[in-house]
Amino acid sequence: MHRMVAVLAASLLGVVASRPATALAERGARAARAAPAGRRVAIAAHDVAPAAPVLPDPLGINVGKLRRHAEANAKLVGHPARQLAAMLGPAAAVGDGAIEWNLGDVGIAAASAYGYASVVEGAVTGFVIRGRAPIEQLGQLHLPRPLQLTRAGGERPSYSIALGE
């Protein structure tokens, strides 16, 4: 096996050799030691500066979690408001005819997005989620019907996801 490797390596270099591969390696090491100082290659260790931390986009959203949250809210339209309040937990601020919450408080990275649900006679009649996000991320939401996504571009792109009244 060593002989085959040596013959193959030597033939690729244009040299015919019949020595084992270890002999060729020893000869190469002797040649490297005998090389003039100007031809030797020195490898120096470098101090590498630590990379700057990657900061999250302040307007970035977690597309999957936002979509699931909107879908879960949509399923509760027409149901008792206490079910929505239970789903939101301590993030829910229940008022007269409304439930409000910040999406960050329910574990969704969505910048400063918030939700508002209208309540009539104890039942959820509709909701809206509003916030800011890059237009590219909003294009990834792919919300099912009847959820409606409204986008506004410009320097401060914003969105709203709505269903019902």
N, C-alpha and C. Protein backbone atom coordinates (compact mmCIF):
# COMPACT_ATOMS: atom_id res chain seq x y z
N MET A 1 0.82 -1.19 0.00
CA MET A 1 0.00 0.00 0.00
C MET A 1 0.86 1.25 0.00
N HIS A 2 1.88 1.29 0.92
CA HIS A 2 2.77 2.45 0.96
C HIS A 2 3.50 2.61 -0.37
N ARG A 3 3.87 1.48 -0.97
CA ARG A 3 4.59 1.50 -2.23
C ARG A 3 3.71 2.11 -3.32
N MET A 4 2.42 1.73 -3.35
CA MET A 4 1.50 2.27 -4.34
C MET A 4 1.33 3.78 -4.18
N VAL A 5 1.20 4.23 -2.96
CA VAL A 5 1.03 5.66 -2.69
C VAL A 5 2.27 6.42 -3.13
N ALA A 6 3.44 5.86 -2.85
CA ALA A 6 4.69 6.52 -3.22
C ALA A 6 4.84 6.59 -4.73
N VAL A 7 4.52 5.51 -5.42
CA VAL A 7 4.62 5.49 -6.88
C VAL A 7 3.62 6.46 -7.48
N LEU A 8 2.39 6.49 -6.96
CA LEU A 8 1.37 7.40 -7.46
C LEU A 8 1.78 8.84 -7.23
N ALA A 9 2.24 9.16 -6.02
CA ALA A 9 2.66 10.53 -5.72
C ALA A 9 3.84 10.93 -6.57
N ALA A 10 4.78 10.02 -6.75
CA ALA A 10 5.96 10.33 -7.54
C ALA A 10 5.60 10.50 -9.01
N SER A 11 4.69 9.69 -9.50
CA SER A 11 4.32 9.81 -10.91
C SER A 11 3.56 11.10 -11.17
N LEU A 12 2.80 11.56 -10.19
CA LEU A 12 2.11 12.84 -10.35
C LEU A 12 3.10 13.99 -10.41
N LEU A 13 4.21 13.86 -9.73
CA LEU A 13 5.23 14.90 -9.73
C LEU A 13 6.20 14.73 -10.89
N GLY A 14 6.07 13.66 -11.64
CA GLY A 14 6.96 13.43 -12.76
C GLY A 14 8.25 12.74 -12.37
N VAL A 15 8.32 12.17 -11.21
CA VAL A 15 9.51 11.48 -10.73
C VAL A 15 9.15 10.02 -10.53
N VAL A 16 9.98 9.14 -10.98
CA VAL A 16 9.73 7.72 -10.79
C VAL A 16 10.49 7.31 -9.53
N ALA A 17 9.77 6.75 -8.59
CA ALA A 17 10.39 6.34 -7.33
C ALA A 17 9.88 4.98 -6.94
N SER A 18 10.72 4.24 -6.29
CA SER A 18 10.30 2.93 -5.83
C SER A 18 10.51 2.78 -4.33
N ARG A 19 10.75 3.87 -3.64
CA ARG A 19 10.92 3.83 -2.19
C ARG A 19 9.56 3.85 -1.50
N PRO A 20 9.48 3.32 -0.27
CA PRO A 20 8.22 3.43 0.48
C PRO A 20 7.91 4.89 0.79
N ALA A 21 6.66 5.17 1.10
CA ALA A 21 6.21 6.54 1.36
C ALA A 21 6.94 7.15 2.54
N THR A 22 7.31 6.35 3.53
CA THR A 22 8.01 6.90 4.69
C THR A 22 9.39 7.41 4.30
N ALA A 23 10.04 6.74 3.37
CA ALA A 23 11.35 7.20 2.92
C ALA A 23 11.23 8.54 2.21
N LEU A 24 10.19 8.70 1.39
CA LEU A 24 9.97 9.98 0.71
C LEU A 24 9.69 11.09 1.71
N ALA A 25 8.94 10.78 2.76
CA ALA A 25 8.63 11.79 3.77
C ALA A 25 9.89 12.20 4.51
N GLU A 26 10.77 11.22 4.82
CA GLU A 26 12.02 11.55 5.49
C GLU A 26 12.89 12.43 4.61
N ARG A 27 12.95 12.12 3.33
CA ARG A 27 13.75 12.91 2.40
C ARG A 27 13.22 14.33 2.31
N GLY A 28 11.88 14.50 2.31
CA GLY A 28 11.28 15.84 2.27
C GLY A 28 11.59 16.62 3.53
N ALA A 29 11.60 15.95 4.68
CA ALA A 29 11.91 16.63 5.94
C ALA A 29 13.36 17.09 5.96
N ARG A 30 14.30 16.25 5.42
CA ARG A 30 15.71 16.65 5.36
C ARG A 30 15.89 17.84 4.44
N ALA A 31 15.17 17.86 3.33
CA ALA A 31 15.28 18.97 2.38
C ALA A 31 14.76 20.25 3.01
N ALA A 32 13.72 20.16 3.81
CA ALA A 32 13.17 21.35 4.47
C ALA A 32 14.15 21.90 5.49
N ARG A 33 14.86 21.00 6.22
CA ARG A 33 15.84 21.47 7.20
C ARG A 33 17.04 22.10 6.53
N ALA A 34 17.38 21.61 5.33
CA ALA A 34 18.55 22.11 4.63
C ALA A 34 18.27 23.37 3.83
N ALA A 35 17.03 23.78 3.72
CA ALA A 35 16.70 24.97 2.94
C ALA A 35 17.29 26.21 3.58
N PRO A 36 17.75 27.15 2.76
CA PRO A 36 18.30 28.40 3.30
C PRO A 36 17.26 29.12 4.15
N ALA A 37 17.72 29.93 5.10
CA ALA A 37 16.83 30.61 6.04
C ALA A 37 15.83 31.51 5.34
N GLY A 38 16.21 32.10 4.21
CA GLY A 38 15.31 32.99 3.48
C GLY A 38 14.11 32.28 2.90
N ARG A 39 14.23 30.97 2.71
CA ARG A 39 13.13 30.23 2.09
C ARG A 39 12.22 29.56 3.10
N ARG A 40 12.59 29.58 4.33
CA ARG A 40 11.76 28.95 5.36
C ARG A 40 10.55 29.83 5.62
N VAL A 41 9.45 29.19 5.89
CA VAL A 41 8.21 29.90 6.16
C VAL A 41 7.97 29.86 7.66
N ALA A 42 7.75 31.03 8.23
CA ALA A 42 7.47 31.10 9.66
C ALA A 42 5.99 31.39 9.85
N ILE A 43 5.41 30.72 10.80
CA ILE A 43 4.02 30.95 11.12
C ILE A 43 3.97 31.62 12.48
N ALA A 44 3.42 32.81 12.51
CA ALA A 44 3.35 33.56 13.76
C ALA A 44 1.93 33.51 14.30
N ALA A 45 1.82 33.46 15.60
CA ALA A 45 0.51 33.47 16.23
C ALA A 45 -0.01 34.90 16.27
N HIS A 46 -1.26 35.07 15.99
CA HIS A 46 -1.88 36.40 16.02
C HIS A 46 -2.94 36.45 17.09
N ASP A 47 -3.03 37.59 17.73
CA ASP A 47 -4.13 37.81 18.65
C ASP A 47 -5.32 38.26 17.83
N VAL A 48 -6.40 37.55 17.94
CA VAL A 48 -7.60 37.88 17.19
C VAL A 48 -8.55 38.61 18.12
N ALA A 49 -8.98 39.78 17.66
CA ALA A 49 -9.92 40.55 18.46
C ALA A 49 -11.26 39.83 18.50
N PRO A 50 -11.92 39.81 19.63
CA PRO A 50 -13.23 39.14 19.70
C PRO A 50 -14.22 39.85 18.78
N ALA A 51 -15.07 39.06 18.19
CA ALA A 51 -16.09 39.61 17.30
C ALA A 51 -17.10 40.42 18.10
N ALA A 52 -17.58 41.47 17.47
CA ALA A 52 -18.60 42.30 18.12
C ALA A 52 -19.88 41.47 18.25
N PRO A 53 -20.58 41.58 19.36
CA PRO A 53 -21.81 40.81 19.51
C PRO A 53 -22.85 41.23 18.48
N VAL A 54 -23.59 40.27 18.01
CA VAL A 54 -24.65 40.55 17.06
C VAL A 54 -25.89 40.96 17.84
N LEU A 55 -26.32 42.17 17.62
CA LEU A 55 -27.49 42.67 18.33
C LEU A 55 -28.74 42.34 17.55
N PRO A 56 -29.78 41.93 18.22
CA PRO A 56 -31.02 41.62 17.50
C PRO A 56 -31.63 42.88 16.91
N ASP A 57 -32.33 42.70 15.82
CA ASP A 57 -33.01 43.82 15.17
C ASP A 57 -34.09 44.32 16.13
N PRO A 58 -34.05 45.62 16.50
CA PRO A 58 -35.05 46.11 17.46
C PRO A 58 -36.48 46.01 16.93
N LEU A 59 -36.63 45.94 15.62
CA LEU A 59 -37.97 45.78 15.04
C LEU A 59 -38.26 44.33 14.65
N GLY A 60 -37.32 43.44 14.90
CA GLY A 60 -37.49 42.06 14.49
C GLY A 60 -38.63 41.38 15.23
N ILE A 61 -39.28 40.47 14.54
CA ILE A 61 -40.38 39.71 15.14
C ILE A 61 -40.10 38.23 14.97
N ASN A 62 -40.67 37.44 15.86
CA ASN A 62 -40.62 36.00 15.72
C ASN A 62 -41.86 35.63 14.91
N VAL A 63 -41.64 35.41 13.62
CA VAL A 63 -42.75 35.21 12.68
C VAL A 63 -43.64 34.04 13.08
N GLY A 64 -43.04 32.90 13.42
CA GLY A 64 -43.83 31.71 13.76
C GLY A 64 -44.69 31.91 14.99
N LYS A 65 -44.10 32.48 16.04
CA LYS A 65 -44.86 32.70 17.27
C LYS A 65 -45.98 33.72 17.05
N LEU A 66 -45.69 34.77 16.28
CA LEU A 66 -46.72 35.78 16.03
C LEU A 66 -47.89 35.17 15.25
N ARG A 67 -47.59 34.34 14.25
CA ARG A 67 -48.64 33.69 13.47
C ARG A 67 -49.49 32.78 14.36
N ARG A 68 -48.83 31.97 15.21
CA ARG A 68 -49.58 31.06 16.10
C ARG A 68 -50.43 31.84 17.10
N HIS A 69 -49.90 32.95 17.59
CA HIS A 69 -50.64 33.77 18.55
C HIS A 69 -51.89 34.36 17.88
N ALA A 70 -51.73 34.88 16.68
CA ALA A 70 -52.87 35.46 15.97
C ALA A 70 -53.92 34.38 15.67
N GLU A 71 -53.48 33.20 15.28
CA GLU A 71 -54.42 32.11 15.00
C GLU A 71 -55.16 31.67 16.27
N ALA A 72 -54.44 31.61 17.39
CA ALA A 72 -55.07 31.23 18.66
C ALA A 72 -56.11 32.27 19.08
N ASN A 73 -55.79 33.55 18.88
CA ASN A 73 -56.77 34.60 19.19
C ASN A 73 -57.99 34.50 18.29
N ALA A 74 -57.78 34.18 17.03
CA ALA A 74 -58.89 34.08 16.08
C ALA A 74 -59.87 32.99 16.49
N LYS A 75 -59.34 31.91 17.05
CA LYS A 75 -60.22 30.82 17.47
C LYS A 75 -61.11 31.21 18.64
N LEU A 76 -60.72 32.26 19.38
CA LEU A 76 -61.49 32.66 20.56
C LEU A 76 -62.51 33.76 20.26
N VAL A 77 -62.54 34.26 19.03
CA VAL A 77 -63.56 35.26 18.68
C VAL A 77 -64.92 34.56 18.73
N GLY A 78 -65.85 35.15 19.48
CA GLY A 78 -67.17 34.56 19.67
C GLY A 78 -67.25 33.73 20.96
N HIS A 79 -66.14 33.47 21.59
CA HIS A 79 -66.10 32.72 22.85
C HIS A 79 -66.08 33.68 24.03
N PRO A 80 -66.32 33.17 25.24
CA PRO A 80 -66.27 34.03 26.43
C PRO A 80 -64.90 34.71 26.59
N ALA A 81 -64.91 35.95 27.01
CA ALA A 81 -63.69 36.73 27.18
C ALA A 81 -62.76 36.11 28.22
N ARG A 82 -63.34 35.39 29.18
CA ARG A 82 -62.49 34.79 30.21
C ARG A 82 -61.54 33.76 29.63
N GLN A 83 -61.89 33.14 28.50
CA GLN A 83 -60.99 32.18 27.85
C GLN A 83 -59.76 32.90 27.27
N LEU A 84 -59.98 34.05 26.66
CA LEU A 84 -58.85 34.83 26.14
C LEU A 84 -57.98 35.32 27.29
N ALA A 85 -58.62 35.81 28.35
CA ALA A 85 -57.87 36.30 29.50
C ALA A 85 -57.05 35.16 30.13
N ALA A 86 -57.61 33.96 30.17
CA ALA A 86 -56.88 32.81 30.72
C ALA A 86 -55.70 32.44 29.83
N MET A 87 -55.89 32.51 28.52
CA MET A 87 -54.80 32.19 27.59
C MET A 87 -53.65 33.20 27.73
N LEU A 88 -53.99 34.46 27.91
CA LEU A 88 -52.96 35.51 28.02
C LEU A 88 -52.31 35.53 29.39
N GLY A 89 -52.99 35.02 30.39
CA GLY A 89 -52.43 34.98 31.74
C GLY A 89 -52.26 36.37 32.33
N PRO A 90 -51.18 36.57 33.09
CA PRO A 90 -50.98 37.86 33.76
C PRO A 90 -50.71 39.02 32.80
N ALA A 91 -50.46 38.73 31.53
CA ALA A 91 -50.22 39.80 30.55
C ALA A 91 -51.51 40.54 30.20
N ALA A 92 -52.66 39.91 30.46
CA ALA A 92 -53.95 40.50 30.09
C ALA A 92 -54.34 41.60 31.06
N ALA A 93 -54.69 42.74 30.50
CA ALA A 93 -55.26 43.84 31.28
C ALA A 93 -56.74 43.90 30.89
N VAL A 94 -57.58 43.33 31.75
CA VAL A 94 -59.00 43.24 31.45
C VAL A 94 -59.69 44.52 31.93
N GLY A 95 -60.36 45.18 30.99
CA GLY A 95 -61.08 46.40 31.32
C GLY A 95 -62.54 46.26 30.93
N ASP A 96 -63.26 47.36 30.99
CA ASP A 96 -64.67 47.37 30.64
C ASP A 96 -64.80 47.33 29.11
N GLY A 97 -65.16 46.19 28.59
CA GLY A 97 -65.36 46.05 27.15
C GLY A 97 -64.09 45.81 26.35
N ALA A 98 -62.97 45.51 27.01
CA ALA A 98 -61.72 45.30 26.27
C ALA A 98 -60.73 44.47 27.08
N ILE A 99 -59.86 43.81 26.37
CA ILE A 99 -58.71 43.13 26.96
C ILE A 99 -57.49 43.62 26.17
N GLU A 100 -56.47 44.08 26.88
CA GLU A 100 -55.26 44.57 26.23
C GLU A 100 -54.06 43.79 26.76
N TRP A 101 -53.02 43.67 25.92
CA TRP A 101 -51.80 42.97 26.33
C TRP A 101 -50.64 43.39 25.43
N ASN A 102 -49.43 43.28 25.97
CA ASN A 102 -48.21 43.48 25.19
C ASN A 102 -47.74 42.11 24.75
N LEU A 103 -47.36 41.99 23.48
CA LEU A 103 -46.94 40.68 22.98
C LEU A 103 -45.66 40.20 23.64
N GLY A 104 -44.80 41.12 24.05
CA GLY A 104 -43.59 40.74 24.77
C GLY A 104 -43.90 40.05 26.08
N ASP A 105 -45.01 40.42 26.70
CA ASP A 105 -45.40 39.82 27.98
C ASP A 105 -45.93 38.39 27.84
N VAL A 106 -46.30 38.00 26.62
CA VAL A 106 -46.77 36.63 26.40
C VAL A 106 -45.70 35.79 25.68
N GLY A 107 -44.46 36.31 25.66
CA GLY A 107 -43.34 35.53 25.14
C GLY A 107 -43.11 35.61 23.65
N ILE A 108 -43.61 36.65 23.01
CA ILE A 108 -43.41 36.80 21.57
C ILE A 108 -42.49 37.98 21.32
N ALA A 109 -41.34 37.70 20.71
CA ALA A 109 -40.42 38.79 20.37
C ALA A 109 -41.03 39.55 19.19
N ALA A 110 -41.65 40.66 19.50
CA ALA A 110 -42.34 41.42 18.46
C ALA A 110 -42.18 42.91 18.70
N ALA A 111 -40.98 43.32 19.12
CA ALA A 111 -40.68 44.73 19.39
C ALA A 111 -41.70 45.29 20.37
N SER A 112 -42.37 46.36 20.02
CA SER A 112 -43.31 46.98 20.94
C SER A 112 -44.75 46.70 20.54
N ALA A 113 -45.02 45.52 20.04
CA ALA A 113 -46.36 45.17 19.58
C ALA A 113 -47.31 44.97 20.76
N TYR A 114 -48.55 45.27 20.52
CA TYR A 114 -49.57 45.07 21.55
C TYR A 114 -50.83 44.53 20.90
N GLY A 115 -51.69 43.97 21.75
CA GLY A 115 -52.96 43.43 21.28
C GLY A 115 -54.11 44.07 22.01
N TYR A 116 -55.24 44.15 21.31
CA TYR A 116 -56.47 44.72 21.87
C TYR A 116 -57.62 43.87 21.38
N ALA A 117 -58.42 43.37 22.31
CA ALA A 117 -59.61 42.59 21.95
C ALA A 117 -60.84 43.31 22.47
N SER A 118 -61.84 43.41 21.63
CA SER A 118 -63.09 44.03 22.07
C SER A 118 -64.00 42.94 22.64
N VAL A 119 -64.70 43.33 23.71
CA VAL A 119 -65.59 42.40 24.41
C VAL A 119 -66.98 43.02 24.49
N VAL A 120 -67.98 42.28 24.03
CA VAL A 120 -69.37 42.74 24.10
C VAL A 120 -70.19 41.62 24.75
N GLU A 121 -70.90 41.98 25.81
CA GLU A 121 -71.73 41.03 26.55
C GLU A 121 -70.95 39.78 26.95
N GLY A 122 -69.71 39.98 27.37
CA GLY A 122 -68.89 38.89 27.89
C GLY A 122 -68.21 38.02 26.85
N ALA A 123 -68.39 38.32 25.56
CA ALA A 123 -67.77 37.52 24.51
C ALA A 123 -66.79 38.36 23.69
N VAL A 124 -65.73 37.73 23.21
CA VAL A 124 -64.76 38.42 22.35
C VAL A 124 -65.40 38.61 20.98
N THR A 125 -65.45 39.85 20.51
CA THR A 125 -66.07 40.12 19.20
C THR A 125 -65.03 40.40 18.12
N GLY A 126 -63.80 40.61 18.51
CA GLY A 126 -62.74 40.87 17.53
C GLY A 126 -61.47 41.25 18.25
N PHE A 127 -60.39 41.31 17.50
CA PHE A 127 -59.12 41.72 18.09
C PHE A 127 -58.25 42.35 17.01
N VAL A 128 -57.27 43.09 17.46
CA VAL A 128 -56.26 43.67 16.57
C VAL A 128 -54.92 43.59 17.28
N ILE A 129 -53.90 43.26 16.53
CA ILE A 129 -52.52 43.26 17.02
C ILE A 129 -51.79 44.30 16.18
N ARG A 130 -51.13 45.23 16.84
CA ARG A 130 -50.40 46.29 16.13
C ARG A 130 -48.96 46.31 16.57
N GLY A 131 -48.08 46.64 15.63
CA GLY A 131 -46.66 46.74 15.96
C GLY A 131 -45.85 47.23 14.78
N ARG A 132 -44.56 47.18 14.93
CA ARG A 132 -43.62 47.59 13.89
C ARG A 132 -42.73 46.41 13.56
N ALA A 133 -42.44 46.24 12.28
CA ALA A 133 -41.57 45.15 11.84
C ALA A 133 -41.10 45.43 10.42
N PRO A 134 -39.95 44.87 10.05
CA PRO A 134 -39.49 45.01 8.67
C PRO A 134 -40.49 44.37 7.70
N ILE A 135 -40.69 45.03 6.59
CA ILE A 135 -41.64 44.55 5.57
C ILE A 135 -41.29 43.12 5.14
N GLU A 136 -39.99 42.80 5.04
CA GLU A 136 -39.58 41.46 4.62
C GLU A 136 -40.11 40.39 5.57
N GLN A 137 -40.07 40.67 6.86
CA GLN A 137 -40.57 39.69 7.83
C GLN A 137 -42.08 39.57 7.76
N LEU A 138 -42.75 40.67 7.52
CA LEU A 138 -44.22 40.60 7.43
C LEU A 138 -44.65 39.76 6.24
N GLY A 139 -43.85 39.76 5.19
CA GLY A 139 -44.16 38.94 4.03
C GLY A 139 -44.09 37.45 4.33
N GLN A 140 -43.43 37.08 5.42
CA GLN A 140 -43.29 35.66 5.81
C GLN A 140 -44.44 35.18 6.69
N LEU A 141 -45.33 36.07 7.11
CA LEU A 141 -46.39 35.68 8.05
C LEU A 141 -47.37 34.68 7.45
N HIS A 142 -47.82 34.89 6.24
CA HIS A 142 -48.77 33.98 5.58
C HIS A 142 -49.94 33.62 6.49
N LEU A 143 -50.69 34.61 6.90
CA LEU A 143 -51.82 34.39 7.81
C LEU A 143 -52.99 33.75 7.08
N PRO A 144 -53.66 32.80 7.73
CA PRO A 144 -54.83 32.18 7.11
C PRO A 144 -56.02 33.13 7.14
N ARG A 145 -56.95 32.88 6.25
CA ARG A 145 -58.19 33.67 6.28
C ARG A 145 -59.00 33.25 7.47
N PRO A 146 -59.71 34.04 8.09
CA PRO A 146 -60.15 35.39 7.79
C PRO A 146 -59.26 36.48 8.41
N LEU A 147 -58.07 36.12 8.93
CA LEU A 147 -57.19 37.13 9.50
C LEU A 147 -56.72 38.08 8.40
N GLN A 148 -56.70 39.36 8.74
CA GLN A 148 -56.32 40.37 7.76
C GLN A 148 -55.05 41.08 8.23
N LEU A 149 -54.03 41.09 7.36
CA LEU A 149 -52.78 41.77 7.66
C LEU A 149 -52.73 43.06 6.86
N THR A 150 -52.49 44.17 7.54
CA THR A 150 -52.33 45.46 6.89
C THR A 150 -50.91 45.93 7.16
N ARG A 151 -50.20 46.31 6.09
CA ARG A 151 -48.83 46.76 6.23
C ARG A 151 -48.71 48.21 5.79
N ALA A 152 -47.84 48.94 6.47
CA ALA A 152 -47.53 50.31 6.09
C ALA A 152 -46.01 50.43 6.05
N GLY A 153 -45.46 50.90 4.96
CA GLY A 153 -44.00 50.99 4.80
C GLY A 153 -43.48 52.33 5.28
N GLY A 154 -42.38 52.75 4.68
CA GLY A 154 -41.75 54.00 5.07
C GLY A 154 -40.59 53.78 6.01
N GLU A 155 -40.17 54.86 6.66
CA GLU A 155 -39.05 54.78 7.59
C GLU A 155 -39.36 53.91 8.79
N ARG A 156 -40.60 53.92 9.22
CA ARG A 156 -41.01 53.14 10.39
C ARG A 156 -42.14 52.20 9.99
N PRO A 157 -41.80 51.09 9.32
CA PRO A 157 -42.85 50.18 8.85
C PRO A 157 -43.66 49.60 10.01
N SER A 158 -44.97 49.53 9.81
CA SER A 158 -45.85 49.02 10.85
C SER A 158 -46.84 48.02 10.24
N TYR A 159 -47.53 47.33 11.12
CA TYR A 159 -48.51 46.35 10.68
C TYR A 159 -49.64 46.29 11.67
N SER A 160 -50.75 45.71 11.22
CA SER A 160 -51.83 45.35 12.11
C SER A 160 -52.44 44.04 11.60
N ILE A 161 -52.80 43.20 12.52
CA ILE A 161 -53.48 41.95 12.22
C ILE A 161 -54.83 42.05 12.90
N ALA A 162 -55.89 41.90 12.11
CA ALA A 162 -57.23 42.12 12.67
C ALA A 162 -58.20 41.03 12.28
N LEU A 163 -59.20 40.88 13.13
CA LEU A 163 -60.31 39.98 12.88
C LEU A 163 -61.50 40.47 13.67
N GLY A 164 -62.66 40.52 13.05
CA GLY A 164 -63.89 40.92 13.74
C GLY A 164 -64.04 42.43 13.85
N GLU A 165 -64.81 42.82 14.84
CA GLU A 165 -65.15 44.24 15.01
C GLU A 165 -64.04 45.01 15.68
